[in-house]
Amino acid sequence: CLPPPSSKQTGSKHWQALDAPKSLLYPWDSNSTYIKCPPFFESMEREPRPTLSIEGAYVLLNLGDSVTTDHISPAGSIARNSPAARYLAARGLTPREFNSYGARRGNDDVMARGTFANIRLVNKFLDKPGPRTIHLPSGDEMDIFDAAERYKREGAPPLMVLAGKEYGSGSSRDWAAKGPYLL
């Protein structure tokens, strides 16, 4: 038998006074830029989908060794000229309100745009570090997210990231796995 709930279990009177929905499921706010319903479970089936062939796949990035979770999914500030910044600005936010990727990890649209957005990322397609790539066959240099979206619009074959030893090393960060999946 359990003891009756204490104030530690139910919270203070201030906590109890907070206005909160009384529903079994979270009522997602479609206008929120911090948290939104993620797409990961929408098409989940009991059996995993078959693995796609990489024959004919396009290379989105050609990276070297020691690409850390921070290269893949940075937690720092959102750069003013980045795809994530453009997404947030289109929703009425000012650069002062962009915050960081770490603060917005509950929004898959922001986090997908922030995947590989590290300014120190070295893509062998380019001669300088940064979150850019080359779209093939056009040869256009562009932000990584924008290139991935362009490939989708064009109906390109699957995309892949070439990387060397220690890809994904570093602190555990779930978005280092989820971000590339969304691209």
C-alpha atoms as a PDB file:
ATOM      1  CA  CYS A   1       0.000   0.000   0.000  1.00  0.00           C
ATOM      2  CA  LEU A   2       1.357   3.425  -0.932  1.00  0.00           C
ATOM      3  CA  PRO A   3       1.239   6.413   1.384  1.00  0.00           C
ATOM      4  CA  PRO A   4      -1.010   9.318   0.355  1.00  0.00           C
ATOM      5  CA  PRO A   5       0.578  11.778  -2.094  1.00  0.00           C
ATOM      6  CA  SER A   6       2.747  14.392  -0.453  1.00  0.00           C
ATOM      7  CA  SER A   7       3.462  17.909  -1.655  1.00  0.00           C
ATOM      8  CA  LYS A   8       6.685  16.541  -3.183  1.00  0.00           C
ATOM      9  CA  GLN A   9       4.638  14.259  -5.441  1.00  0.00           C
ATOM     10  CA  THR A  10       1.926  16.738  -6.359  1.00  0.00           C
ATOM     11  CA  GLY A  11       3.976  19.924  -6.389  1.00  0.00           C
ATOM     12  CA  SER A  12       3.583  23.196  -4.560  1.00  0.00           C
ATOM     13  CA  LYS A  13       0.424  25.290  -4.588  1.00  0.00           C
ATOM     14  CA  HIS A  14       2.067  27.430  -7.302  1.00  0.00           C
ATOM     15  CA  TRP A  15       2.684  24.333  -9.421  1.00  0.00           C
ATOM     16  CA  GLN A  16      -0.878  23.159  -8.891  1.00  0.00           C
ATOM     17  CA  ALA A  17      -2.185  26.606  -9.920  1.00  0.00           C
ATOM     18  CA  LEU A  18      -0.567  26.408 -13.372  1.00  0.00           C
ATOM     19  CA  ASP A  19      -3.059  26.226 -16.205  1.00  0.00           C
ATOM     20  CA  ALA A  20      -2.537  22.927 -18.020  1.00  0.00           C
ATOM     21  CA  PRO A  21      -4.687  20.890 -20.400  1.00  0.00           C
ATOM     22  CA  LYS A  22      -6.514  17.962 -18.846  1.00  0.00           C
ATOM     23  CA  SER A  23      -6.110  15.415 -21.638  1.00  0.00           C
ATOM     24  CA  LEU A  24      -4.504  12.016 -22.044  1.00  0.00           C
ATOM     25  CA  LEU A  25      -2.535  13.128 -25.115  1.00  0.00           C
ATOM     26  CA  TYR A  26      -0.411  16.224 -25.435  1.00  0.00           C
ATOM     27  CA  PRO A  27      -2.297  18.940 -27.373  1.00  0.00           C
ATOM     28  CA  TRP A  28       0.390  20.004 -29.867  1.00  0.00           C
ATOM     29  CA  ASP A  29       0.491  23.728 -30.623  1.00  0.00           C
ATOM     30  CA  SER A  30       1.035  24.060 -34.363  1.00  0.00           C
ATOM     31  CA  ASN A  31       2.413  27.587 -33.846  1.00  0.00           C
ATOM     32  CA  SER A  32       5.130  26.558 -31.391  1.00  0.00           C
ATOM     33  CA  THR A  33       8.695  26.935 -32.611  1.00  0.00           C
ATOM     34  CA  TYR A  34      10.112  25.046 -29.622  1.00  0.00           C
ATOM     35  CA  ILE A  35       8.150  21.808 -29.592  1.00  0.00           C
ATOM     36  CA  LYS A  36       6.118  20.049 -32.252  1.00  0.00           C
ATOM     37  CA  CYS A  37       4.879  16.563 -32.957  1.00  0.00           C
ATOM     38  CA  PRO A  38       7.834  14.664 -34.449  1.00  0.00           C
ATOM     39  CA  PRO A  39       7.418  12.626 -37.647  1.00  0.00           C
ATOM     40  CA  PHE A  40       9.323   9.574 -36.434  1.00  0.00           C
ATOM     41  CA  PHE A  41       6.288   7.498 -35.465  1.00  0.00           C
ATOM     42  CA  GLU A  42       3.881   8.487 -38.254  1.00  0.00           C
ATOM     43  CA  SER A  43       4.804   5.653 -40.613  1.00  0.00           C
ATOM     44  CA  MET A  44       6.214   3.191 -38.108  1.00  0.00           C
ATOM     45  CA  GLU A  45       5.244  -0.389 -38.815  1.00  0.00           C
ATOM     46  CA  ARG A  46       5.645  -3.589 -36.837  1.00  0.00           C
ATOM     47  CA  GLU A  47       8.325  -4.860 -39.222  1.00  0.00           C
ATOM     48  CA  PRO A  48      11.198  -2.608 -40.310  1.00  0.00           C
ATOM     49  CA  ARG A  49      11.261  -1.478 -43.910  1.00  0.00           C
ATOM     50  CA  PRO A  50      13.788  -3.197 -46.161  1.00  0.00           C
ATOM     51  CA  THR A  51      17.162  -1.521 -46.488  1.00  0.00           C
ATOM     52  CA  LEU A  52      17.495   0.664 -49.572  1.00  0.00           C
ATOM     53  CA  SER A  53      20.214  -0.094 -52.068  1.00  0.00           C
ATOM     54  CA  ILE A  54      22.906   2.565 -52.217  1.00  0.00           C
ATOM     55  CA  GLU A  55      23.639   1.769 -55.844  1.00  0.00           C
ATOM     56  CA  GLY A  56      23.358   5.067 -57.709  1.00  0.00           C
ATOM     57  CA  ALA A  57      23.025   7.057 -54.461  1.00  0.00           C
ATOM     58  CA  TYR A  58      24.154  10.664 -54.483  1.00  0.00           C
ATOM     59  CA  VAL A  59      26.816  11.769 -52.016  1.00  0.00           C
ATOM     60  CA  LEU A  60      25.506  14.691 -49.982  1.00  0.00           C
ATOM     61  CA  LEU A  61      28.735  15.092 -48.005  1.00  0.00           C
ATOM     62  CA  ASN A  62      32.240  13.695 -48.287  1.00  0.00           C
ATOM     63  CA  LEU A  63      33.694  13.936 -44.789  1.00  0.00           C
ATOM     64  CA  GLY A  64      36.915  12.678 -43.290  1.00  0.00           C
ATOM     65  CA  ASP A  65      37.747  11.125 -39.937  1.00  0.00           C
ATOM     66  CA  SER A  66      36.689  12.265 -36.465  1.00  0.00           C
ATOM     67  CA  VAL A  67      33.318  13.772 -37.337  1.00  0.00           C
ATOM     68  CA  THR A  68      31.795  14.226 -33.890  1.00  0.00           C
ATOM     69  CA  THR A  69      28.206  14.474 -32.744  1.00  0.00           C
ATOM     70  CA  ASP A  70      28.764  18.231 -32.509  1.00  0.00           C
ATOM     71  CA  HIS A  71      29.657  18.357 -36.224  1.00  0.00           C
ATOM     72  CA  ILE A  72      26.507  16.377 -37.033  1.00  0.00           C
ATOM     73  CA  SER A  73      24.108  18.079 -34.638  1.00  0.00           C
ATOM     74  CA  PRO A  74      25.517  21.250 -33.096  1.00  0.00           C
ATOM     75  CA  ALA A  75      23.950  22.504 -29.880  1.00  0.00           C
ATOM     76  CA  GLY A  76      25.206  26.085 -30.167  1.00  0.00           C
ATOM     77  CA  SER A  77      23.579  29.288 -31.367  1.00  0.00           C
ATOM     78  CA  ILE A  78      21.579  29.329 -34.579  1.00  0.00           C
ATOM     79  CA  ALA A  79      23.493  31.365 -37.172  1.00  0.00           C
ATOM     80  CA  ARG A  80      21.558  34.303 -38.632  1.00  0.00           C
ATOM     81  CA  ASN A  81      21.992  33.204 -42.258  1.00  0.00           C
ATOM     82  CA  SER A  82      21.296  29.490 -41.746  1.00  0.00           C
ATOM     83  CA  PRO A  83      18.348  27.394 -42.966  1.00  0.00           C
ATOM     84  CA  ALA A  84      17.131  27.146 -39.338  1.00  0.00           C
ATOM     85  CA  ALA A  85      17.244  30.948 -39.020  1.00  0.00           C
ATOM     86  CA  ARG A  86      15.263  31.367 -42.243  1.00  0.00           C
ATOM     87  CA  TYR A  87      12.666  28.876 -40.942  1.00  0.00           C
ATOM     88  CA  LEU A  88      12.325  30.767 -37.635  1.00  0.00           C
ATOM     89  CA  ALA A  89      12.276  34.198 -39.321  1.00  0.00           C
ATOM     90  CA  ALA A  90       9.477  32.988 -41.610  1.00  0.00           C
ATOM     91  CA  ARG A  91       7.497  32.336 -38.418  1.00  0.00           C
ATOM     92  CA  GLY A  92       7.970  35.905 -37.227  1.00  0.00           C
ATOM     93  CA  LEU A  93      10.966  35.495 -34.917  1.00  0.00           C
ATOM     94  CA  THR A  94      13.821  37.987 -34.783  1.00  0.00           C
ATOM     95  CA  PRO A  95      17.486  36.902 -34.601  1.00  0.00           C
ATOM     96  CA  ARG A  96      17.482  37.644 -30.848  1.00  0.00           C
ATOM     97  CA  GLU A  97      14.743  35.021 -30.477  1.00  0.00           C
ATOM     98  CA  PHE A  98      16.437  32.244 -32.463  1.00  0.00           C
ATOM     99  CA  ASN A  99      18.159  30.817 -29.373  1.00  0.00           C
ATOM    100  CA  SER A 100      20.239  27.635 -29.809  1.00  0.00           C
ATOM    101  CA  TYR A 101      19.822  24.235 -31.406  1.00  0.00           C
ATOM    102  CA  GLY A 102      20.004  22.716 -27.936  1.00  0.00           C
ATOM    103  CA  ALA A 103      17.041  24.821 -26.808  1.00  0.00           C
ATOM    104  CA  ARG A 104      15.024  23.945 -29.924  1.00  0.00           C
ATOM    105  CA  ARG A 105      15.681  20.197 -29.963  1.00  0.00           C
ATOM    106  CA  GLY A 106      11.928  19.629 -29.545  1.00  0.00           C
ATOM    107  CA  ASN A 107      11.327  20.981 -33.067  1.00  0.00           C
ATOM    108  CA  ASP A 108      12.307  18.563 -35.828  1.00  0.00           C
ATOM    109  CA  ASP A 109      12.011  21.268 -38.511  1.00  0.00           C
ATOM    110  CA  VAL A 110      14.676  23.363 -36.774  1.00  0.00           C
ATOM    111  CA  MET A 111      16.866  20.373 -35.972  1.00  0.00           C
ATOM    112  CA  ALA A 112      16.775  18.949 -39.510  1.00  0.00           C
ATOM    113  CA  ARG A 113      17.884  22.358 -40.788  1.00  0.00           C
ATOM    114  CA  GLY A 114      20.647  22.345 -38.183  1.00  0.00           C
ATOM    115  CA  THR A 115      22.012  18.939 -39.140  1.00  0.00           C
ATOM    116  CA  PHE A 116      25.675  19.310 -40.178  1.00  0.00           C
ATOM    117  CA  ALA A 117      25.404  23.079 -39.485  1.00  0.00           C
ATOM    118  CA  ASN A 118      28.731  23.208 -37.644  1.00  0.00           C
ATOM    119  CA  ILE A 119      31.030  25.963 -38.951  1.00  0.00           C
ATOM    120  CA  ARG A 120      34.021  23.620 -38.514  1.00  0.00           C
ATOM    121  CA  LEU A 121      32.597  20.803 -40.659  1.00  0.00           C
ATOM    122  CA  VAL A 122      35.071  19.865 -43.389  1.00  0.00           C
ATOM    123  CA  ASN A 123      33.376  18.666 -46.572  1.00  0.00           C
ATOM    124  CA  LYS A 124      35.957  17.434 -49.093  1.00  0.00           C
ATOM    125  CA  PHE A 125      33.788  18.801 -51.907  1.00  0.00           C
ATOM    126  CA  LEU A 126      34.796  22.320 -50.810  1.00  0.00           C
ATOM    127  CA  ASP A 127      38.070  24.068 -50.049  1.00  0.00           C
ATOM    128  CA  LYS A 128      36.907  25.720 -46.796  1.00  0.00           C
ATOM    129  CA  PRO A 129      35.112  24.443 -43.679  1.00  0.00           C
ATOM    130  CA  GLY A 130      31.471  25.238 -43.039  1.00  0.00           C
ATOM    131  CA  PRO A 131      27.946  23.831 -43.336  1.00  0.00           C
ATOM    132  CA  ARG A 132      27.894  23.789 -47.140  1.00  0.00           C
ATOM    133  CA  THR A 133      28.003  21.254 -49.941  1.00  0.00           C
ATOM    134  CA  ILE A 134      27.936  21.021 -53.708  1.00  0.00           C
ATOM    135  CA  HIS A 135      24.710  20.017 -55.422  1.00  0.00           C
ATOM    136  CA  LEU A 136      25.416  17.603 -58.248  1.00  0.00           C
ATOM    137  CA  PRO A 137      25.124  17.657 -61.162  1.00  0.00           C
ATOM    138  CA  SER A 138      24.484  21.440 -61.148  1.00  0.00           C
ATOM    139  CA  GLY A 139      27.689  22.287 -59.250  1.00  0.00           C
ATOM    140  CA  ASP A 140      25.834  24.852 -57.128  1.00  0.00           C
ATOM    141  CA  GLU A 141      27.339  25.478 -53.678  1.00  0.00           C
ATOM    142  CA  MET A 142      24.603  25.612 -51.071  1.00  0.00           C
ATOM    143  CA  ASP A 143      23.626  24.951 -47.464  1.00  0.00           C
ATOM    144  CA  ILE A 144      23.478  21.227 -46.710  1.00  0.00           C
ATOM    145  CA  PHE A 145      19.791  21.234 -45.757  1.00  0.00           C
ATOM    146  CA  ASP A 146      18.890  23.198 -48.898  1.00  0.00           C
ATOM    147  CA  ALA A 147      20.803  20.715 -51.058  1.00  0.00           C
ATOM    148  CA  ALA A 148      19.011  17.760 -49.436  1.00  0.00           C
ATOM    149  CA  GLU A 149      15.648  19.437 -50.030  1.00  0.00           C
ATOM    150  CA  ARG A 150      16.560  20.189 -53.651  1.00  0.00           C
ATOM    151  CA  TYR A 151      17.499  16.557 -54.221  1.00  0.00           C
ATOM    152  CA  LYS A 152      14.091  15.508 -52.816  1.00  0.00           C
ATOM    153  CA  ARG A 153      12.248  17.959 -55.092  1.00  0.00           C
ATOM    154  CA  GLU A 154      14.190  16.658 -58.095  1.00  0.00           C
ATOM    155  CA  GLY A 155      13.381  13.025 -57.246  1.00  0.00           C
ATOM    156  CA  ALA A 156      17.047  12.128 -56.818  1.00  0.00           C
ATOM    157  CA  PRO A 157      18.124   8.662 -55.705  1.00  0.00           C
ATOM    158  CA  PRO A 158      18.906   8.096 -52.006  1.00  0.00           C
ATOM    159  CA  LEU A 159      21.499  10.376 -50.423  1.00  0.00           C
ATOM    160  CA  MET A 160      24.511   9.226 -48.454  1.00  0.00           C
ATOM    161  CA  VAL A 161      27.202  10.736 -46.283  1.00  0.00           C
ATOM    162  CA  LEU A 162      30.724   9.417 -46.702  1.00  0.00           C
ATOM    163  CA  ALA A 163      32.718   9.566 -43.489  1.00  0.00           C
ATOM    164  CA  GLY A 164      35.824   7.995 -42.034  1.00  0.00           C
ATOM    165  CA  LYS A 165      36.848   6.631 -38.685  1.00  0.00           C
ATOM    166  CA  GLU A 166      35.145   7.841 -35.529  1.00  0.00           C
ATOM    167  CA  TYR A 167      32.045   9.205 -37.280  1.00  0.00           C
ATOM    168  CA  GLY A 168      29.552  10.142 -34.570  1.00  0.00           C
ATOM    169  CA  SER A 169      32.041  10.025 -31.720  1.00  0.00           C
ATOM    170  CA  GLY A 170      31.675  12.336 -28.784  1.00  0.00           C
ATOM    171  CA  SER A 171      28.922  13.004 -26.334  1.00  0.00           C
ATOM    172  CA  SER A 172      25.707  11.139 -26.884  1.00  0.00           C
ATOM    173  CA  ARG A 173      23.289  13.273 -28.857  1.00  0.00           C
ATOM    174  CA  ASP A 174      20.098  11.766 -30.218  1.00  0.00           C
ATOM    175  CA  TRP A 175      19.838  14.346 -32.982  1.00  0.00           C
ATOM    176  CA  ALA A 176      23.163  13.155 -34.424  1.00  0.00           C
ATOM    177  CA  ALA A 177      21.163  10.078 -35.499  1.00  0.00           C
ATOM    178  CA  LYS A 178      17.752  11.655 -36.144  1.00  0.00           C
ATOM    179  CA  GLY A 179      18.996  14.659 -38.163  1.00  0.00           C
ATOM    180  CA  PRO A 180      20.667  12.728 -40.999  1.00  0.00           C
ATOM    181  CA  TYR A 181      17.585  10.479 -41.160  1.00  0.00           C
ATOM    182  CA  LEU A 182      15.404  13.531 -41.841  1.00  0.00           C
ATOM    183  CA  LEU A 183      17.697  14.764 -44.601  1.00  0.00           C
END
